[in-house]
Amino acid sequence: IFAIAELLTGSGFPSPSAYDRARNKHRSGIA
């Protein structure tokens, strides 16, 4: 799971909180 998270971040795929910023203002969406 951790390897998948780093792979997705490194590939530039937006995380759930980064993709939907309107609903996730309290999260950084950094990775």
PDB file of all heavy atoms in Angstrom:
ATOM      1  N   ILE A   1       0.827  -1.204   0.000  1.00  0.00           N
ATOM      2  CA  ILE A   1       0.000   0.000   0.000  1.00  0.00           C
ATOM      3  C   ILE A   1       0.863   1.256   0.000  1.00  0.00           C
ATOM      4  O   ILE A   1       0.583   2.215  -0.732  1.00  0.00           O
ATOM      5  CB  ILE A   1      -0.949  -0.030   1.216  1.00  0.00           C
ATOM      6  CG1 ILE A   1      -2.006  -1.127   1.022  1.00  0.00           C
ATOM      7  CG2 ILE A   1      -1.623   1.326   1.417  1.00  0.00           C
ATOM      8  CD1 ILE A   1      -2.955  -1.281   2.187  1.00  0.00           C
ATOM      9  N   PHE A   2       1.931   1.265   0.794  1.00  0.00           N
ATOM     10  CA  PHE A   2       2.799   2.434   0.826  1.00  0.00           C
ATOM     11  C   PHE A   2       3.508   2.632  -0.511  1.00  0.00           C
ATOM     12  O   PHE A   2       3.638   3.763  -0.997  1.00  0.00           O
ATOM     13  CB  PHE A   2       3.824   2.298   1.953  1.00  0.00           C
ATOM     14  CG  PHE A   2       4.747   3.476   2.090  1.00  0.00           C
ATOM     15  CD1 PHE A   2       4.281   4.685   2.578  1.00  0.00           C
ATOM     16  CD2 PHE A   2       6.080   3.389   1.713  1.00  0.00           C
ATOM     17  CE1 PHE A   2       5.114   5.785   2.698  1.00  0.00           C
ATOM     18  CE2 PHE A   2       6.926   4.476   1.832  1.00  0.00           C
ATOM     19  CZ  PHE A   2       6.438   5.675   2.328  1.00  0.00           C
ATOM     20  N   ALA A   3       3.938   1.531  -1.132  1.00  0.00           N
ATOM     21  CA  ALA A   3       4.612   1.627  -2.430  1.00  0.00           C
ATOM     22  C   ALA A   3       3.666   2.174  -3.487  1.00  0.00           C
ATOM     23  O   ALA A   3       4.069   2.975  -4.348  1.00  0.00           O
ATOM     24  CB  ALA A   3       5.140   0.261  -2.845  1.00  0.00           C
ATOM     25  N   ILE A   4       2.395   1.755  -3.434  1.00  0.00           N
ATOM     26  CA  ILE A   4       1.408   2.272  -4.392  1.00  0.00           C
ATOM     27  C   ILE A   4       1.201   3.769  -4.186  1.00  0.00           C
ATOM     28  O   ILE A   4       1.138   4.540  -5.154  1.00  0.00           O
ATOM     29  CB  ILE A   4       0.073   1.513  -4.243  1.00  0.00           C
ATOM     30  CG1 ILE A   4       0.249   0.036  -4.627  1.00  0.00           C
ATOM     31  CG2 ILE A   4      -1.016   2.149  -5.100  1.00  0.00           C
ATOM     32  CD1 ILE A   4      -0.979  -0.804  -4.384  1.00  0.00           C
ATOM     33  N   ALA A   5       1.124   4.197  -2.923  1.00  0.00           N
ATOM     34  CA  ALA A   5       0.926   5.614  -2.634  1.00  0.00           C
ATOM     35  C   ALA A   5       2.074   6.456  -3.186  1.00  0.00           C
ATOM     36  O   ALA A   5       1.859   7.504  -3.811  1.00  0.00           O
ATOM     37  CB  ALA A   5       0.777   5.826  -1.128  1.00  0.00           C
ATOM     38  N   GLU A   6       3.308   5.987  -2.995  1.00  0.00           N
ATOM     39  CA  GLU A   6       4.452   6.744  -3.492  1.00  0.00           C
ATOM     40  C   GLU A   6       4.510   6.716  -5.013  1.00  0.00           C
ATOM     41  O   GLU A   6       4.876   7.711  -5.648  1.00  0.00           O
ATOM     42  CB  GLU A   6       5.739   6.182  -2.897  1.00  0.00           C
ATOM     43  CG  GLU A   6       5.886   6.404  -1.402  1.00  0.00           C
ATOM     44  CD  GLU A   6       7.336   6.516  -0.974  1.00  0.00           C
ATOM     45  OE1 GLU A   6       8.189   5.940  -1.664  1.00  0.00           O
ATOM     46  OE2 GLU A   6       7.598   7.195   0.027  1.00  0.00           O
ATOM     47  N   LEU A   7       4.138   5.590  -5.611  1.00  0.00           N
ATOM     48  CA  LEU A   7       4.147   5.487  -7.065  1.00  0.00           C
ATOM     49  C   LEU A   7       3.126   6.445  -7.686  1.00  0.00           C
ATOM     50  O   LEU A   7       3.410   7.134  -8.672  1.00  0.00           O
ATOM     51  CB  LEU A   7       3.837   4.052  -7.481  1.00  0.00           C
ATOM     52  CG  LEU A   7       3.846   3.758  -8.985  1.00  0.00           C
ATOM     53  CD1 LEU A   7       5.235   4.023  -9.565  1.00  0.00           C
ATOM     54  CD2 LEU A   7       3.439   2.304  -9.245  1.00  0.00           C
ATOM     55  N   LEU A   8       1.932   6.510  -7.106  1.00  0.00           N
ATOM     56  CA  LEU A   8       0.903   7.412  -7.626  1.00  0.00           C
ATOM     57  C   LEU A   8       1.317   8.875  -7.466  1.00  0.00           C
ATOM     58  O   LEU A   8       1.105   9.695  -8.363  1.00  0.00           O
ATOM     59  CB  LEU A   8      -0.427   7.162  -6.901  1.00  0.00           C
ATOM     60  CG  LEU A   8      -1.079   5.803  -7.133  1.00  0.00           C
ATOM     61  CD1 LEU A   8      -2.302   5.642  -6.243  1.00  0.00           C
ATOM     62  CD2 LEU A   8      -1.476   5.634  -8.596  1.00  0.00           C
ATOM     63  N   THR A   9       1.924   9.183  -6.322  1.00  0.00           N
ATOM     64  CA  THR A   9       2.371  10.560  -6.095  1.00  0.00           C
ATOM     65  C   THR A   9       3.466  10.937  -7.077  1.00  0.00           C
ATOM     66  O   THR A   9       3.435  12.022  -7.675  1.00  0.00           O
ATOM     67  CB  THR A   9       2.873  10.728  -4.653  1.00  0.00           C
ATOM     68  OG1 THR A   9       1.818  10.425  -3.743  1.00  0.00           O
ATOM     69  CG2 THR A   9       3.348  12.151  -4.408  1.00  0.00           C
ATOM     70  N   GLY A  10       4.436  10.046  -7.257  1.00  0.00           N
ATOM     71  CA  GLY A  10       5.525  10.332  -8.177  1.00  0.00           C
ATOM     72  C   GLY A  10       5.080  10.434  -9.621  1.00  0.00           C
ATOM     73  O   GLY A  10       5.678  11.165 -10.416  1.00  0.00           O
ATOM     74  N   SER A  11       3.988   9.732  -9.972  1.00  0.00           N
ATOM     75  CA  SER A  11       3.474   9.771 -11.343  1.00  0.00           C
ATOM     76  C   SER A  11       2.586  10.977 -11.588  1.00  0.00           C
ATOM     77  O   SER A  11       2.153  11.200 -12.730  1.00  0.00           O
ATOM     78  CB  SER A  11       2.687   8.482 -11.638  1.00  0.00           C
ATOM     79  OG  SER A  11       3.520   7.339 -11.493  1.00  0.00           O
ATOM     80  N   GLY A  12       2.292  11.737 -10.520  1.00  0.00           N
ATOM     81  CA  GLY A  12       1.504  12.947 -10.695  1.00  0.00           C
ATOM     82  C   GLY A  12       0.009  12.749 -10.702  1.00  0.00           C
ATOM     83  O   GLY A  12      -0.738  13.671 -11.068  1.00  0.00           O
ATOM     84  N   PHE A  13      -0.475  11.553 -10.319  1.00  0.00           N
ATOM     85  CA  PHE A  13      -1.922  11.344 -10.261  1.00  0.00           C
ATOM     86  C   PHE A  13      -2.492  12.081  -9.050  1.00  0.00           C
ATOM     87  O   PHE A  13      -1.964  11.955  -7.940  1.00  0.00           O
ATOM     88  CB  PHE A  13      -2.258   9.854 -10.155  1.00  0.00           C
ATOM     89  CG  PHE A  13      -1.912   9.065 -11.388  1.00  0.00           C
ATOM     90  CD1 PHE A  13      -0.903   8.119 -11.357  1.00  0.00           C
ATOM     91  CD2 PHE A  13      -2.584   9.292 -12.574  1.00  0.00           C
ATOM     92  CE1 PHE A  13      -0.572   7.392 -12.489  1.00  0.00           C
ATOM     93  CE2 PHE A  13      -2.259   8.565 -13.718  1.00  0.00           C
ATOM     94  CZ  PHE A  13      -1.253   7.623 -13.682  1.00  0.00           C
ATOM     95  N   PRO A  14      -3.546  12.846  -9.221  1.00  0.00           N
ATOM     96  CA  PRO A  14      -4.087  13.610  -8.079  1.00  0.00           C
ATOM     97  C   PRO A  14      -4.715  12.679  -7.043  1.00  0.00           C
ATOM     98  O   PRO A  14      -5.441  11.744  -7.396  1.00  0.00           O
ATOM     99  CB  PRO A  14      -5.144  14.515  -8.721  1.00  0.00           C
ATOM    100  CG  PRO A  14      -5.560  13.780  -9.961  1.00  0.00           C
ATOM    101  CD  PRO A  14      -4.329  13.068 -10.449  1.00  0.00           C
ATOM    102  N   SER A  15      -4.419  12.941  -5.786  1.00  0.00           N
ATOM    103  CA  SER A  15      -5.034  12.169  -4.706  1.00  0.00           C
ATOM    104  C   SER A  15      -6.497  12.576  -4.571  1.00  0.00           C
ATOM    105  O   SER A  15      -6.917  13.599  -5.127  1.00  0.00           O
ATOM    106  CB  SER A  15      -4.294  12.425  -3.398  1.00  0.00           C
ATOM    107  OG  SER A  15      -4.454  13.779  -3.007  1.00  0.00           O
ATOM    108  N   PRO A  16      -7.312  11.805  -3.837  1.00  0.00           N
ATOM    109  CA  PRO A  16      -8.727  12.187  -3.668  1.00  0.00           C
ATOM    110  C   PRO A  16      -8.907  13.597  -3.121  1.00  0.00           C
ATOM    111  O   PRO A  16      -9.768  14.344  -3.582  1.00  0.00           O
ATOM    112  CB  PRO A  16      -9.244  11.126  -2.691  1.00  0.00           C
ATOM    113  CG  PRO A  16      -8.406   9.915  -2.969  1.00  0.00           C
ATOM    114  CD  PRO A  16      -7.039  10.468  -3.281  1.00  0.00           C
ATOM    115  N   SER A  17      -8.083  13.987  -2.140  1.00  0.00           N
ATOM    116  CA  SER A  17      -8.240  15.326  -1.576  1.00  0.00           C
ATOM    117  C   SER A  17      -7.753  16.405  -2.531  1.00  0.00           C
ATOM    118  O   SER A  17      -8.258  17.529  -2.508  1.00  0.00           O
ATOM    119  CB  SER A  17      -7.498  15.425  -0.242  1.00  0.00           C
ATOM    120  OG  SER A  17      -6.131  15.117  -0.406  1.00  0.00           O
ATOM    121  N   ALA A  18      -6.781  16.096  -3.381  1.00  0.00           N
ATOM    122  CA  ALA A  18      -6.300  17.079  -4.350  1.00  0.00           C
ATOM    123  C   ALA A  18      -7.267  17.204  -5.523  1.00  0.00           C
ATOM    124  O   ALA A  18      -7.440  18.294  -6.083  1.00  0.00           O
ATOM    125  CB  ALA A  18      -4.915  16.686  -4.860  1.00  0.00           C
ATOM    126  N   TYR A  19      -7.918  16.122  -5.910  1.00  0.00           N
ATOM    127  CA  TYR A  19      -8.826  16.139  -7.062  1.00  0.00           C
ATOM    128  C   TYR A  19     -10.123  16.870  -6.739  1.00  0.00           C
ATOM    129  O   TYR A  19     -10.712  17.519  -7.591  1.00  0.00           O
ATOM    130  CB  TYR A  19      -9.126  14.703  -7.495  1.00  0.00           C
ATOM    131  CG  TYR A  19      -9.923  14.613  -8.777  1.00  0.00           C
ATOM    132  CD1 TYR A  19      -9.350  14.962  -9.996  1.00  0.00           C
ATOM    133  CD2 TYR A  19     -11.246  14.171  -8.759  1.00  0.00           C
ATOM    134  CE1 TYR A  19     -10.076  14.878 -11.173  1.00  0.00           C
ATOM    135  CE2 TYR A  19     -11.974  14.081  -9.929  1.00  0.00           C
ATOM    136  CZ  TYR A  19     -11.391  14.432 -11.131  1.00  0.00           C
ATOM    137  OH  TYR A  19     -12.119  14.355 -12.296  1.00  0.00           O
ATOM    138  N   ASP A  20     -10.583  16.763  -5.490  1.00  0.00           N
ATOM    139  CA  ASP A  20     -11.838  17.391  -5.084  1.00  0.00           C
ATOM    140  C   ASP A  20     -11.542  18.394  -3.974  1.00  0.00           C
ATOM    141  O   ASP A  20     -11.842  18.178  -2.812  1.00  0.00           O
ATOM    142  CB  ASP A  20     -12.825  16.318  -4.607  1.00  0.00           C
ATOM    143  CG  ASP A  20     -14.222  16.881  -4.363  1.00  0.00           C
ATOM    144  OD1 ASP A  20     -14.422  18.090  -4.585  1.00  0.00           O
ATOM    145  OD2 ASP A  20     -15.102  16.109  -3.943  1.00  0.00           O
ATOM    146  N   ARG A  21     -10.939  19.528  -4.337  1.00  0.00           N
ATOM    147  CA  ARG A  21     -10.520  20.494  -3.336  1.00  0.00           C
ATOM    148  C   ARG A  21     -11.705  21.146  -2.625  1.00  0.00           C
ATOM    149  O   ARG A  21     -11.606  21.521  -1.462  1.00  0.00           O
ATOM    150  CB  ARG A  21      -9.680  21.598  -3.981  1.00  0.00           C
ATOM    151  CG  ARG A  21      -8.344  21.131  -4.507  1.00  0.00           C
ATOM    152  CD  ARG A  21      -7.515  20.454  -3.432  1.00  0.00           C
ATOM    153  NE  ARG A  21      -7.261  21.325  -2.297  1.00  0.00           N
ATOM    154  CZ  ARG A  21      -6.980  20.885  -1.080  1.00  0.00           C
ATOM    155  NH1 ARG A  21      -6.967  19.585  -0.810  1.00  0.00           N
ATOM    156  NH2 ARG A  21      -6.738  21.733  -0.099  1.00  0.00           N
ATOM    157  N   ALA A  22     -12.838  21.279  -3.325  1.00  0.00           N
ATOM    158  CA  ALA A  22     -13.988  21.944  -2.720  1.00  0.00           C
ATOM    159  C   ALA A  22     -14.467  21.208  -1.478  1.00  0.00           C
ATOM    160  O   ALA A  22     -14.931  21.829  -0.516  1.00  0.00           O
ATOM    161  CB  ALA A  22     -15.117  22.058  -3.730  1.00  0.00           C
ATOM    162  N   ARG A  23     -14.364  19.886  -1.474  1.00  0.00           N
ATOM    163  CA  ARG A  23     -14.815  19.095  -0.335  1.00  0.00           C
ATOM    164  C   ARG A  23     -13.688  18.780   0.633  1.00  0.00           C
ATOM    165  O   ARG A  23     -13.938  18.163   1.672  1.00  0.00           O
ATOM    166  CB  ARG A  23     -15.437  17.783  -0.816  1.00  0.00           C
ATOM    167  CG  ARG A  23     -16.707  17.930  -1.630  1.00  0.00           C
ATOM    168  CD  ARG A  23     -17.130  16.561  -2.139  1.00  0.00           C
ATOM    169  NE  ARG A  23     -18.298  16.622  -2.994  1.00  0.00           N
ATOM    170  CZ  ARG A  23     -19.536  16.405  -2.599  1.00  0.00           C
ATOM    171  NH1 ARG A  23     -19.769  16.122  -1.336  1.00  0.00           N
ATOM    172  NH2 ARG A  23     -20.553  16.469  -3.432  1.00  0.00           N
ATOM    173  N   ASN A  24     -12.469  19.125   0.290  1.00  0.00           N
ATOM    174  CA  ASN A  24     -11.323  18.723   1.114  1.00  0.00           C
ATOM    175  C   ASN A  24     -10.405  19.898   1.415  1.00  0.00           C
ATOM    176  O   ASN A  24      -9.178  19.773   1.371  1.00  0.00           O
ATOM    177  CB  ASN A  24     -10.529  17.612   0.410  1.00  0.00           C
ATOM    178  CG  ASN A  24     -11.308  16.333   0.262  1.00  0.00           C
ATOM    179  OD1 ASN A  24     -11.386  15.517   1.181  1.00  0.00           O
ATOM    180  ND2 ASN A  24     -11.900  16.139  -0.918  1.00  0.00           N
ATOM    181  N   LYS A  25     -10.999  21.042   1.755  1.00  0.00           N
ATOM    182  CA  LYS A  25     -10.190  22.207   2.069  1.00  0.00           C
ATOM    183  C   LYS A  25      -9.365  22.008   3.330  1.00  0.00           C
ATOM    184  O   LYS A  25      -8.352  22.679   3.524  1.00  0.00           O
ATOM    185  CB  LYS A  25     -11.100  23.424   2.224  1.00  0.00           C
ATOM    186  CG  LYS A  25     -11.823  23.809   0.947  1.00  0.00           C
ATOM    187  CD  LYS A  25     -12.747  24.992   1.171  1.00  0.00           C
ATOM    188  CE  LYS A  25     -13.487  25.358  -0.103  1.00  0.00           C
ATOM    189  NZ  LYS A  25     -14.427  26.498   0.094  1.00  0.00           N
ATOM    190  N   HIS A  26      -9.805  21.075   4.194  1.00  0.00           N
ATOM    191  CA  HIS A  26      -9.094  20.839   5.442  1.00  0.00           C
ATOM    192  C   HIS A  26      -7.908  19.907   5.258  1.00  0.00           C
ATOM    193  O   HIS A  26      -7.163  19.672   6.207  1.00  0.00           O
ATOM    194  CB  HIS A  26     -10.052  20.238   6.472  1.00  0.00           C
ATOM    195  CG  HIS A  26     -10.685  18.950   6.049  1.00  0.00           C
ATOM    196  ND1 HIS A  26     -11.536  18.862   4.972  1.00  0.00           N
ATOM    197  CD2 HIS A  26     -10.577  17.690   6.546  1.00  0.00           C
ATOM    198  CE1 HIS A  26     -11.937  17.616   4.829  1.00  0.00           C
ATOM    199  NE2 HIS A  26     -11.366  16.890   5.754  1.00  0.00           N
ATOM    200  N   ARG A  27      -7.726  19.355   4.052  1.00  0.00           N
ATOM    201  CA  ARG A  27      -6.596  18.466   3.780  1.00  0.00           C
ATOM    202  C   ARG A  27      -5.647  19.145   2.799  1.00  0.00           C
ATOM    203  O   ARG A  27      -6.056  19.915   1.939  1.00  0.00           O
ATOM    204  CB  ARG A  27      -7.086  17.128   3.214  1.00  0.00           C
ATOM    205  CG  ARG A  27      -7.893  16.308   4.206  1.00  0.00           C
ATOM    206  CD  ARG A  27      -8.140  14.904   3.656  1.00  0.00           C
ATOM    207  NE  ARG A  27      -8.747  14.033   4.641  1.00  0.00           N
ATOM    208  CZ  ARG A  27     -10.054  13.816   4.750  1.00  0.00           C
ATOM    209  NH1 ARG A  27     -10.880  14.417   3.907  1.00  0.00           N
ATOM    210  NH2 ARG A  27     -10.529  13.004   5.654  1.00  0.00           N
ATOM    211  N   SER A  28      -4.368  18.795   2.911  1.00  0.00           N
ATOM    212  CA  SER A  28      -3.376  19.480   2.091  1.00  0.00           C
ATOM    213  C   SER A  28      -3.399  19.021   0.641  1.00  0.00           C
ATOM    214  O   SER A  28      -3.104  19.780  -0.267  1.00  0.00           O
ATOM    215  CB  SER A  28      -1.970  19.236   2.676  1.00  0.00           C
ATOM    216  OG  SER A  28      -1.615  17.864   2.562  1.00  0.00           O
ATOM    217  N   GLY A  29      -3.741  17.739   0.395  1.00  0.00           N
ATOM    218  CA  GLY A  29      -3.714  17.211  -0.961  1.00  0.00           C
ATOM    219  C   GLY A  29      -2.317  17.101  -1.525  1.00  0.00           C
ATOM    220  O   GLY A  29      -2.130  16.973  -2.739  1.00  0.00           O
ATOM    221  N   ILE A  30      -1.320  17.128  -0.650  1.00  0.00           N
ATOM    222  CA  ILE A  30       0.064  17.179  -1.098  1.00  0.00           C
ATOM    223  C   ILE A  30       0.529  15.860  -1.712  1.00  0.00           C
ATOM    224  O   ILE A  30       1.411  15.845  -2.560  1.00  0.00           O
ATOM    225  CB  ILE A  30       0.983  17.579   0.077  1.00  0.00           C
ATOM    226  CG1 ILE A  30       2.344  18.022  -0.433  1.00  0.00           C
ATOM    227  CG2 ILE A  30       1.123  16.444   1.086  1.00  0.00           C
ATOM    228  CD1 ILE A  30       3.198  18.650   0.628  1.00  0.00           C
ATOM    229  N   ALA A  31      -0.080  14.752  -1.320  1.00  0.00           N
ATOM    230  CA  ALA A  31       0.362  13.458  -1.826  1.00  0.00           C
ATOM    231  C   ALA A  31      -0.676  12.404  -1.479  1.00  0.00           C
ATOM    232  O   ALA A  31      -1.611  12.630  -0.714  1.00  0.00           O
ATOM    233  CB  ALA A  31       1.718  13.085  -1.217  1.00  0.00           C
TER     234      ALA A  31
END
